[in-house]
Amino acid sequence: MKVVKMVDIDFNAAAELFAATSTWVGDGRTKTKLGKIELEVDNPLSVLPTNSEEMITWPEQLLPAALAACFITTMTTVSEKMRINLKSLQVTAKPLLARDNDGGFKFDKIFITIELSIPREDRPKVERLVDLTHRYCLISKAIKGNVEEIIETKVHDV
């Protein structure tokens, strides 16, 4: 597979594009802006997830969401270059928390389940597809060495 080198990236412009701004609105809550999208983000210690209000998330949900979305965007790009005909793709990232050495919490592991449908003739390429996706996913790179990623792939023939 030929890797395209991106030498014409304006990294300062990319930093602006990827920037997020959070403003404290009281208690543990923030209004967090991602471009034109605004999310209300709360502290999971102030409101139990089982009693949460609609349209409120926690920072601890945003990282797995970013990882799952990054896997999809990376995998669709890699699959095109490998000429794999993806028919459907779903990625679930389920984090496992643990106590950190300082008594706080940390992401210990993230279980990543990739479920995809492809033609039977593309099945031999799946392992390489998953390996390359894991290697090139920017969020996966960001947590590498800090959080263990356990990947399971479920392939359905079409």
Protein backbone atom coordinates (compact mmCIF):
# COMPACT_ATOMS: atom_id res chain seq x y z
CA MET A 1 0.00 0.00 0.00
CA LYS A 2 1.35 3.41 -0.95
CA VAL A 3 1.28 5.96 1.88
CA VAL A 4 0.55 9.52 0.79
CA LYS A 5 2.83 12.07 2.41
CA MET A 6 1.06 15.22 3.51
CA VAL A 7 3.74 17.88 3.25
CA ASP A 8 1.43 20.82 2.57
CA ILE A 9 -0.35 20.85 5.93
CA ASP A 10 -0.64 24.18 7.72
CA PHE A 11 -0.23 22.90 11.27
CA ASN A 12 -1.20 26.25 12.80
CA ALA A 13 -4.47 26.22 10.88
CA ALA A 14 -5.02 22.59 11.91
CA ALA A 15 -4.51 23.57 15.55
CA GLU A 16 -7.27 26.16 15.19
CA LEU A 17 -9.54 23.63 13.49
CA PHE A 18 -9.04 21.03 16.23
CA ALA A 19 -9.24 23.50 19.13
CA ALA A 20 -11.88 23.16 21.82
CA THR A 21 -12.88 25.82 24.31
CA SER A 22 -14.61 25.06 27.61
CA THR A 23 -16.24 27.70 29.78
CA TRP A 24 -17.21 26.93 33.35
CA VAL A 25 -20.94 27.49 33.95
CA GLY A 26 -21.21 26.36 37.58
CA ASP A 27 -20.81 23.24 39.68
CA GLY A 28 -18.73 20.85 37.58
CA ARG A 29 -20.38 21.87 34.31
CA THR A 30 -18.89 23.48 31.26
CA LYS A 31 -20.08 24.57 27.86
CA THR A 32 -17.56 23.14 25.45
CA LYS A 33 -17.31 24.42 21.89
CA LEU A 34 -15.89 22.29 19.11
CA GLY A 35 -16.05 24.52 16.06
CA LYS A 36 -19.74 25.40 15.70
CA ILE A 37 -20.91 22.56 17.96
CA GLU A 38 -21.52 23.24 21.64
CA LEU A 39 -21.74 20.46 24.21
CA GLU A 40 -22.64 20.61 27.85
CA VAL A 41 -20.03 18.64 29.74
CA ASP A 42 -20.44 17.70 33.39
CA ASN A 43 -18.29 16.17 36.08
CA PRO A 44 -19.26 12.49 36.47
CA LEU A 45 -18.67 12.76 40.21
CA SER A 46 -21.42 15.40 40.56
CA VAL A 47 -24.14 13.55 38.64
CA LEU A 48 -24.26 9.78 38.40
CA PRO A 49 -24.38 8.59 34.79
CA THR A 50 -27.54 6.62 35.57
CA ASN A 51 -29.33 9.86 36.56
CA SER A 52 -27.95 12.07 33.82
CA GLU A 53 -29.87 14.70 31.94
CA GLU A 54 -30.26 14.39 28.19
CA MET A 55 -27.65 16.06 26.02
CA ILE A 56 -25.01 16.16 28.76
CA THR A 57 -21.80 14.23 28.44
CA TRP A 58 -18.61 13.75 30.45
CA PRO A 59 -14.97 14.14 29.40
CA GLU A 60 -14.56 10.42 30.06
CA GLN A 61 -17.11 9.72 27.31
CA LEU A 62 -15.52 12.07 24.82
CA LEU A 63 -12.20 10.22 24.60
CA PRO A 64 -13.74 6.83 23.69
CA ALA A 65 -16.08 8.65 21.27
CA ALA A 66 -13.12 10.33 19.62
CA LEU A 67 -11.28 7.01 19.41
CA ALA A 68 -14.25 5.22 17.81
CA ALA A 69 -14.82 8.02 15.30
CA CYS A 70 -11.10 8.18 14.49
CA PHE A 71 -11.02 4.43 13.84
CA ILE A 72 -13.92 4.81 11.39
CA THR A 73 -12.48 7.78 9.49
CA THR A 74 -9.04 6.16 9.34
CA MET A 75 -10.41 2.75 8.37
CA THR A 76 -12.52 4.13 5.53
CA THR A 77 -9.46 5.93 4.13
CA VAL A 78 -7.23 2.86 4.46
CA SER A 79 -9.91 0.56 3.00
CA GLU A 80 -10.13 2.76 -0.11
CA LYS A 81 -6.36 2.57 -0.61
CA MET A 82 -6.47 -1.22 -0.10
CA ARG A 83 -9.45 -1.51 -2.46
CA ILE A 84 -11.63 -3.13 0.21
CA ASN A 85 -15.32 -2.69 -0.48
CA LEU A 86 -16.75 -1.77 2.95
CA LYS A 87 -20.52 -2.19 3.06
CA SER A 88 -21.00 -1.26 6.74
CA LEU A 89 -18.77 -0.32 9.63
CA GLN A 90 -19.39 0.24 13.33
CA VAL A 91 -16.78 0.80 16.03
CA THR A 92 -17.48 0.68 19.76
CA ALA A 93 -14.86 1.89 22.25
CA LYS A 94 -15.59 0.73 25.80
CA PRO A 95 -13.18 2.06 28.44
CA LEU A 96 -12.21 0.27 31.62
CA LEU A 97 -11.22 2.57 34.47
CA ALA A 98 -8.76 1.70 37.22
CA ARG A 99 -7.20 3.41 40.22
CA ASP A 100 -4.07 5.36 39.45
CA ASN A 101 -0.97 5.40 41.67
CA ASP A 102 -2.00 8.79 43.05
CA GLY A 103 -5.40 7.52 44.24
CA GLY A 104 -7.31 9.02 41.33
CA PHE A 105 -8.67 7.24 38.29
CA LYS A 106 -7.23 6.48 34.88
CA PHE A 107 -8.22 4.78 31.68
CA ASP A 108 -6.60 1.39 32.04
CA LYS A 109 -7.87 -0.32 28.89
CA ILE A 110 -10.17 0.49 26.03
CA PHE A 111 -11.92 -2.43 24.36
CA ILE A 112 -12.42 -1.61 20.69
CA THR A 113 -14.95 -3.69 18.79
CA ILE A 114 -14.90 -3.27 15.03
CA GLU A 115 -17.88 -4.71 13.21
CA LEU A 116 -17.74 -4.58 9.42
CA SER A 117 -19.44 -6.08 6.42
CA ILE A 118 -17.39 -6.77 3.32
CA PRO A 119 -17.47 -9.09 0.31
CA ARG A 120 -16.04 -12.53 1.08
CA GLU A 121 -13.11 -11.98 -1.31
CA ASP A 122 -11.88 -9.04 0.82
CA ARG A 123 -11.77 -11.08 4.04
CA PRO A 124 -8.02 -11.93 3.75
CA LYS A 125 -7.21 -8.20 3.86
CA VAL A 126 -9.03 -7.49 7.14
CA GLU A 127 -6.14 -8.14 9.52
CA ARG A 128 -3.89 -5.72 7.60
CA LEU A 129 -6.74 -3.19 7.42
CA VAL A 130 -7.16 -3.26 11.21
CA ASP A 131 -3.38 -3.08 11.83
CA LEU A 132 -2.97 -0.05 9.55
CA THR A 133 -6.02 1.64 11.02
CA HIS A 134 -4.63 1.20 14.52
CA ARG A 135 -1.23 2.49 13.42
CA TYR A 136 -2.53 5.63 11.69
CA CYS A 137 -5.47 6.65 13.92
CA LEU A 138 -4.38 9.93 15.51
CA ILE A 139 -6.31 9.33 18.76
CA SER A 140 -4.83 5.85 19.08
CA LYS A 141 -1.38 7.37 18.65
CA ALA A 142 -2.14 9.94 21.35
CA ILE A 143 -2.95 7.30 23.99
CA LYS A 144 -0.29 4.77 22.93
CA GLY A 145 1.84 3.65 25.86
CA ASN A 146 -0.66 5.05 28.35
CA VAL A 147 -3.85 3.07 27.71
CA GLU A 148 -3.99 -0.54 26.51
CA GLU A 149 -6.18 -0.99 23.44
CA ILE A 150 -7.76 -4.40 23.00
CA ILE A 151 -9.18 -4.83 19.52
CA GLU A 152 -11.81 -7.36 18.48
CA THR A 153 -12.95 -7.59 14.89
CA LYS A 154 -16.24 -9.08 13.76
CA VAL A 155 -16.50 -9.59 10.02
CA HIS A 156 -19.76 -10.22 8.19
CA ASP A 157 -19.82 -11.33 4.56
CA VAL A 158 -22.08 -9.58 2.08
